[in-house]
N, C-alpha and C. Protein backbone atom coordinates (compact mmCIF):
# COMPACT_ATOMS: atom_id res chain seq x y z
N MET A 1 -13.19 -0.56 15.52
CA MET A 1 -12.91 0.08 14.14
C MET A 1 -11.62 -0.40 13.46
N ASN A 2 -11.86 -1.06 12.37
CA ASN A 2 -10.92 -1.65 11.66
C ASN A 2 -10.22 -0.62 10.78
N GLU A 3 -8.90 -0.37 11.16
CA GLU A 3 -8.19 0.61 10.27
C GLU A 3 -7.17 0.15 9.35
N GLY A 4 -7.16 -1.24 9.16
CA GLY A 4 -6.23 -1.86 8.42
C GLY A 4 -6.25 -1.54 6.92
N LEU A 5 -5.29 -1.96 6.20
CA LEU A 5 -5.19 -1.72 4.79
C LEU A 5 -6.03 -2.92 4.15
N GLY A 6 -7.26 -2.68 3.76
CA GLY A 6 -8.19 -3.73 3.31
C GLY A 6 -7.59 -4.52 2.03
N PRO A 7 -8.10 -5.66 1.79
CA PRO A 7 -7.63 -6.44 0.61
C PRO A 7 -7.97 -5.64 -0.91
N GLU A 8 -9.09 -4.90 -0.79
CA GLU A 8 -9.38 -4.13 -2.03
C GLU A 8 -8.38 -3.15 -2.43
N LYS A 9 -7.52 -2.59 -1.48
CA LYS A 9 -6.34 -1.66 -1.58
C LYS A 9 -5.02 -2.31 -1.93
N ARG A 10 -4.92 -3.64 -2.08
CA ARG A 10 -3.67 -4.22 -2.42
C ARG A 10 -3.79 -4.99 -3.72
N LEU A 11 -2.84 -5.11 -4.40
CA LEU A 11 -2.62 -5.69 -5.66
C LEU A 11 -2.15 -7.17 -5.48
N LYS A 12 -2.88 -7.99 -5.83
CA LYS A 12 -2.65 -9.56 -5.59
C LYS A 12 -2.57 -10.43 -6.92
N LYS A 13 -3.16 -10.13 -7.72
CA LYS A 13 -3.30 -10.95 -9.00
C LYS A 13 -1.96 -10.84 -9.99
N ARG A 14 -1.47 -11.85 -10.46
CA ARG A 14 -0.43 -11.87 -11.35
C ARG A 14 -0.56 -10.76 -12.47
N LYS A 15 -1.93 -10.94 -13.13
CA LYS A 15 -2.27 -9.90 -14.14
C LYS A 15 -2.08 -8.55 -13.93
N GLU A 16 -2.42 -8.18 -12.56
CA GLU A 16 -2.36 -6.85 -12.19
C GLU A 16 -0.79 -6.26 -12.15
N PHE A 17 -0.14 -7.12 -11.69
CA PHE A 17 1.33 -6.94 -11.48
C PHE A 17 2.03 -6.72 -13.10
N GLU A 18 1.68 -7.79 -13.77
CA GLU A 18 2.14 -7.72 -15.24
C GLU A 18 1.66 -6.44 -16.00
N LYS A 19 0.57 -6.00 -15.75
CA LYS A 19 0.03 -4.91 -16.50
C LYS A 19 0.92 -3.55 -16.10
N ILE A 20 1.10 -3.57 -14.86
CA ILE A 20 1.99 -2.50 -14.14
C ILE A 20 3.38 -2.37 -14.62
N PHE A 21 3.89 -3.67 -14.75
CA PHE A 21 5.23 -3.76 -15.23
C PHE A 21 5.49 -3.54 -16.78
N LEU A 22 4.40 -3.86 -17.73
CA LEU A 22 4.39 -3.56 -19.05
C LEU A 22 4.05 -2.13 -19.38
N GLU A 23 3.04 -1.64 -18.73
CA GLU A 23 2.58 -0.31 -19.18
C GLU A 23 2.88 0.89 -18.20
N GLY A 24 3.34 0.65 -16.91
CA GLY A 24 3.57 1.57 -15.97
C GLY A 24 4.90 2.28 -16.21
N GLU A 25 5.04 3.52 -15.38
CA GLU A 25 6.17 4.21 -15.40
C GLU A 25 7.11 3.89 -14.03
N VAL A 26 8.30 4.30 -14.08
CA VAL A 26 9.28 4.01 -13.28
C VAL A 26 9.69 5.18 -12.50
N ALA A 27 9.73 5.07 -11.09
CA ALA A 27 10.41 6.17 -10.35
C ALA A 27 11.35 5.48 -9.40
N LYS A 28 12.49 6.28 -9.14
CA LYS A 28 13.59 5.59 -8.23
C LYS A 28 14.06 6.66 -7.27
N SER A 29 14.35 6.16 -5.95
CA SER A 29 15.07 7.07 -5.01
C SER A 29 16.23 6.25 -4.45
N GLU A 30 16.81 6.78 -3.51
CA GLU A 30 18.00 6.02 -2.89
C GLU A 30 17.45 4.70 -2.13
N TRP A 31 16.38 4.67 -1.67
CA TRP A 31 15.86 3.45 -0.90
C TRP A 31 14.77 2.65 -1.70
N PHE A 32 14.03 3.31 -2.65
CA PHE A 32 12.96 2.71 -3.23
C PHE A 32 12.88 2.58 -4.56
N VAL A 33 12.21 1.78 -5.58
CA VAL A 33 11.95 1.71 -6.84
C VAL A 33 10.48 1.51 -6.87
N ALA A 34 9.81 2.16 -7.67
CA ALA A 34 8.41 2.00 -7.84
C ALA A 34 7.83 1.96 -9.30
N ARG A 35 6.97 1.17 -9.51
CA ARG A 35 6.34 1.31 -10.97
C ARG A 35 4.96 1.74 -10.59
N TYR A 36 4.33 2.51 -11.42
CA TYR A 36 3.07 3.05 -11.10
C TYR A 36 2.16 3.28 -12.34
N LEU A 37 0.91 3.15 -12.20
CA LEU A 37 -0.08 3.17 -13.34
C LEU A 37 -1.38 3.56 -12.72
N LYS A 38 -1.83 4.53 -13.57
CA LYS A 38 -3.34 4.88 -13.24
C LYS A 38 -4.41 3.76 -13.29
N ASN A 39 -5.24 3.71 -12.24
CA ASN A 39 -6.10 2.62 -12.50
C ASN A 39 -7.52 3.11 -12.69
N ASP A 40 -8.59 2.28 -13.00
CA ASP A 40 -10.05 2.63 -13.20
C ASP A 40 -10.79 2.74 -12.12
N LEU A 41 -10.39 2.45 -11.00
CA LEU A 41 -11.08 2.35 -9.63
C LEU A 41 -11.07 3.72 -9.01
N LYS A 42 -11.59 3.91 -7.97
CA LYS A 42 -11.86 5.10 -7.23
C LYS A 42 -11.02 5.24 -5.98
N PHE A 43 -9.94 4.35 -5.95
CA PHE A 43 -9.01 4.33 -4.80
C PHE A 43 -7.71 3.68 -5.12
N PRO A 44 -6.79 4.12 -4.39
CA PRO A 44 -5.22 3.54 -4.84
C PRO A 44 -5.17 2.09 -4.31
N ARG A 45 -4.30 1.51 -5.02
CA ARG A 45 -3.87 0.12 -4.60
C ARG A 45 -2.33 0.02 -4.51
N ILE A 46 -1.82 -0.93 -3.66
CA ILE A 46 -0.27 -0.99 -3.69
C ILE A 46 -0.01 -2.50 -3.76
N GLY A 47 1.08 -2.63 -4.27
CA GLY A 47 1.80 -4.19 -4.31
C GLY A 47 3.28 -3.87 -3.95
N ILE A 48 3.67 -5.14 -3.15
CA ILE A 48 5.07 -4.83 -2.56
C ILE A 48 5.74 -6.23 -3.11
N VAL A 49 7.05 -5.80 -3.69
CA VAL A 49 7.82 -7.02 -4.14
C VAL A 49 9.01 -6.93 -3.28
N VAL A 50 9.45 -8.03 -2.63
CA VAL A 50 10.67 -8.08 -1.89
C VAL A 50 11.34 -9.23 -2.20
N SER A 51 12.65 -9.27 -2.65
CA SER A 51 13.34 -10.43 -3.02
C SER A 51 13.83 -11.08 -1.81
N ARG A 52 14.31 -12.46 -1.82
CA ARG A 52 14.97 -13.01 -0.69
C ARG A 52 16.20 -12.42 -0.51
N LYS A 53 16.77 -11.88 -1.52
CA LYS A 53 18.15 -11.12 -1.33
C LYS A 53 18.13 -9.91 -0.40
N PHE A 54 16.88 -9.47 -0.08
CA PHE A 54 16.68 -8.43 0.77
C PHE A 54 17.03 -8.90 2.35
N GLY A 55 16.77 -10.21 2.61
CA GLY A 55 17.03 -10.61 4.02
C GLY A 55 16.09 -11.79 4.18
N LYS A 56 16.29 -12.23 5.45
CA LYS A 56 15.41 -13.47 5.97
C LYS A 56 13.87 -12.85 6.03
N ALA A 57 13.13 -13.88 6.19
CA ALA A 57 11.56 -13.61 6.24
C ALA A 57 11.06 -12.48 7.05
N HIS A 58 11.54 -12.48 8.26
CA HIS A 58 11.32 -11.53 9.23
C HIS A 58 11.62 -10.20 8.71
N VAL A 59 12.76 -10.10 8.14
CA VAL A 59 13.20 -8.65 7.51
C VAL A 59 12.31 -8.30 6.42
N ARG A 60 12.04 -9.24 5.54
CA ARG A 60 10.98 -8.91 4.36
C ARG A 60 9.79 -8.49 4.82
N ASN A 61 9.16 -9.18 5.94
CA ASN A 61 7.86 -8.90 6.43
C ASN A 61 7.84 -7.66 7.04
N LYS A 62 8.93 -7.29 7.78
CA LYS A 62 9.10 -5.95 8.36
C LYS A 62 8.85 -4.91 7.36
N PHE A 63 9.73 -5.00 6.33
CA PHE A 63 9.64 -3.95 5.09
C PHE A 63 8.18 -3.82 4.65
N LYS A 64 7.54 -4.99 4.53
CA LYS A 64 6.03 -5.02 3.97
C LYS A 64 5.24 -4.22 4.86
N ARG A 65 5.35 -4.47 6.22
CA ARG A 65 4.47 -3.90 7.24
C ARG A 65 4.74 -2.41 7.14
N TYR A 66 5.87 -2.03 7.24
CA TYR A 66 6.15 -0.55 7.16
C TYR A 66 5.64 0.11 5.86
N VAL A 67 5.69 -0.52 4.68
CA VAL A 67 5.14 0.22 3.55
C VAL A 67 3.59 0.13 3.67
N ARG A 68 3.08 -0.85 3.95
CA ARG A 68 1.53 -0.88 4.15
C ARG A 68 1.00 0.10 5.04
N GLU A 69 1.79 0.22 6.26
CA GLU A 69 1.23 1.28 7.19
C GLU A 69 1.40 2.54 6.62
N THR A 70 2.60 2.91 6.10
CA THR A 70 2.83 4.27 5.61
C THR A 70 1.72 4.57 4.44
N PHE A 71 1.42 3.72 3.51
CA PHE A 71 0.34 3.81 2.73
C PHE A 71 -1.05 3.97 3.20
N ARG A 72 -1.30 3.22 4.24
CA ARG A 72 -2.48 3.32 4.84
C ARG A 72 -2.81 4.74 5.50
N LYS A 73 -1.73 5.32 6.15
CA LYS A 73 -1.81 6.63 6.62
C LYS A 73 -1.92 7.86 5.73
N MET A 74 -1.60 7.63 4.48
CA MET A 74 -1.48 8.61 3.42
C MET A 74 -2.79 8.81 2.81
N HIS A 75 -3.12 10.04 2.46
CA HIS A 75 -4.54 10.28 1.82
C HIS A 75 -4.24 10.58 0.29
N PHE A 76 -4.65 9.65 -0.50
CA PHE A 76 -4.43 9.83 -1.90
C PHE A 76 -5.57 10.51 -2.57
N GLU A 77 -5.29 11.44 -3.31
CA GLU A 77 -6.43 12.10 -4.05
C GLU A 77 -6.76 11.50 -5.43
N ARG A 78 -6.03 10.57 -5.88
CA ARG A 78 -6.38 9.91 -7.20
C ARG A 78 -6.18 8.43 -7.02
N ASN A 79 -6.78 7.78 -8.10
CA ASN A 79 -6.59 6.37 -8.20
C ASN A 79 -5.23 6.03 -8.88
N ILE A 80 -4.52 5.06 -8.34
CA ILE A 80 -3.27 4.74 -8.76
C ILE A 80 -2.86 3.46 -8.29
N ASP A 81 -2.19 2.56 -9.11
CA ASP A 81 -1.59 1.25 -8.73
C ASP A 81 -0.17 1.48 -8.59
N LEU A 82 0.27 1.24 -7.36
CA LEU A 82 1.90 1.27 -7.23
C LEU A 82 2.44 -0.02 -6.97
N VAL A 83 3.53 -0.38 -7.43
CA VAL A 83 4.26 -1.56 -6.98
C VAL A 83 5.64 -1.16 -6.56
N ILE A 84 5.97 -1.37 -5.48
CA ILE A 84 7.21 -0.80 -4.59
C ILE A 84 8.15 -1.95 -4.29
N PHE A 85 9.61 -1.56 -4.61
CA PHE A 85 10.57 -2.71 -4.17
C PHE A 85 11.72 -1.84 -3.50
N PRO A 86 12.26 -2.52 -2.57
CA PRO A 86 13.51 -1.85 -1.91
C PRO A 86 14.76 -1.89 -2.68
N THR A 87 15.71 -1.07 -2.42
CA THR A 87 16.96 -1.04 -3.32
C THR A 87 17.97 -1.66 -2.30
N LYS A 88 19.10 -1.98 -2.95
CA LYS A 88 20.21 -2.56 -2.23
C LYS A 88 20.81 -1.73 -1.05
N GLU A 89 20.67 -0.33 -1.37
CA GLU A 89 21.26 0.63 -0.41
C GLU A 89 20.21 0.49 0.91
N LEU A 90 18.92 0.37 0.70
CA LEU A 90 18.13 0.15 1.88
C LEU A 90 18.36 -1.11 2.67
N LYS A 91 18.73 -2.26 1.86
CA LYS A 91 19.10 -3.47 2.50
C LYS A 91 20.15 -3.23 3.57
N LYS A 92 21.18 -2.43 3.06
CA LYS A 92 22.35 -2.28 4.10
C LYS A 92 21.84 -1.45 5.22
N GLU A 93 21.03 -0.58 5.24
CA GLU A 93 20.61 0.32 6.17
C GLU A 93 19.22 -0.25 7.11
N PHE A 94 18.62 -1.17 6.60
CA PHE A 94 17.32 -1.24 7.03
C PHE A 94 17.19 -1.82 8.45
N GLU A 95 18.18 -2.50 8.93
CA GLU A 95 18.19 -3.09 10.25
C GLU A 95 18.28 -1.84 11.29
N ASN A 96 18.78 -0.71 10.81
CA ASN A 96 19.13 0.37 11.81
C ASN A 96 18.11 1.61 11.52
N ILE A 97 17.13 1.25 10.76
CA ILE A 97 16.20 2.48 10.43
C ILE A 97 14.95 2.38 11.43
N THR A 98 14.60 3.60 12.04
CA THR A 98 13.34 3.57 12.65
C THR A 98 12.11 3.68 11.67
N TYR A 99 10.84 3.29 12.24
CA TYR A 99 9.90 3.41 11.33
C TYR A 99 9.48 4.79 10.87
N GLU A 100 9.68 5.74 11.84
CA GLU A 100 9.51 7.09 11.44
C GLU A 100 10.34 7.61 10.32
N ASP A 101 11.77 7.30 10.33
CA ASP A 101 12.63 7.67 9.20
C ASP A 101 12.09 6.92 7.84
N PHE A 102 11.81 5.79 8.04
CA PHE A 102 11.34 4.96 6.90
C PHE A 102 10.05 5.62 6.20
N SER A 103 9.00 5.80 7.26
CA SER A 103 8.01 6.40 6.81
C SER A 103 7.97 7.71 6.01
N GLU A 104 8.94 8.58 6.64
CA GLU A 104 9.16 9.91 6.01
C GLU A 104 9.78 9.75 4.59
N ALA A 105 10.72 8.94 4.52
CA ALA A 105 11.39 8.75 3.20
C ALA A 105 10.37 8.21 2.16
N LEU A 106 9.58 7.34 2.58
CA LEU A 106 8.49 6.79 1.54
C LEU A 106 7.51 7.79 1.39
N ARG A 107 7.04 8.49 2.22
CA ARG A 107 6.10 9.56 1.89
C ARG A 107 6.71 10.70 0.95
N LEU A 108 7.92 11.06 1.14
CA LEU A 108 8.56 12.01 0.26
C LEU A 108 8.73 11.39 -1.18
N PHE A 109 9.01 9.98 -1.22
CA PHE A 109 9.07 9.34 -2.58
C PHE A 109 7.89 9.31 -3.32
N PHE A 110 6.77 9.10 -2.53
CA PHE A 110 5.34 9.15 -3.16
C PHE A 110 5.11 10.50 -3.70
N GLU A 111 5.58 11.54 -2.93
CA GLU A 111 5.29 12.92 -3.42
C GLU A 111 6.21 13.17 -4.72
N LYS A 112 7.33 12.63 -4.75
CA LYS A 112 8.19 12.65 -5.97
C LYS A 112 7.63 11.96 -7.11
N ILE A 113 6.89 10.88 -6.98
CA ILE A 113 6.17 10.32 -8.13
C ILE A 113 4.98 11.23 -8.57
N ALA A 114 4.39 11.87 -7.52
CA ALA A 114 3.24 12.83 -7.87
C ALA A 114 3.81 14.10 -8.71
N SER A 115 4.91 14.50 -8.45
CA SER A 115 5.55 15.53 -9.00
C SER A 115 6.14 15.33 -10.40
N GLN A 116 6.44 13.88 -10.55
CA GLN A 116 6.98 13.65 -11.99
C GLN A 116 5.94 13.33 -12.93
N ASN A 117 4.80 13.08 -12.45
CA ASN A 117 3.55 12.79 -13.31
C ASN A 117 2.40 13.62 -12.93
N GLU A 118 1.97 14.51 -13.68
CA GLU A 118 0.90 15.45 -13.16
C GLU A 118 -0.46 14.70 -13.22
N LYS A 119 -0.54 13.60 -14.04
CA LYS A 119 -1.78 12.89 -13.92
C LYS A 119 -1.98 12.08 -12.75
N VAL A 120 -1.01 11.88 -11.96
CA VAL A 120 -1.14 11.21 -10.64
C VAL A 120 -0.84 12.26 -9.46
N LYS A 121 -1.85 12.24 -8.72
CA LYS A 121 -1.84 13.34 -7.52
C LYS A 121 -1.95 12.38 -6.24
N LEU A 122 -1.19 12.38 -5.35
CA LEU A 122 -1.12 11.58 -4.14
C LEU A 122 -1.71 12.39 -3.06
């Protein structure tokens, strides 16, 4: 049984990212920044942007794996497109964070987004 995050649940095209950057809303926490926008699909999608300033490739890939796995395990009630970024504060602490701590912080961040905007329920 394939439990991965399928390609249909990922933002990949430049136009999709640009639309979210132009029309979407912003949410911030200590470790994350997200832009989000309601989509016309019946499921949520996620895009991850990690700058080279965050770290070497293996560090950036670890961040992306953590985000995708947390997103996959959450059950979203509505259709939303999310683009998530790490903050400078997370860069300083990322090497010492466990997946469980990271996942809990990201889950709380997603809930914060839902509470900021009643149109979006996660």
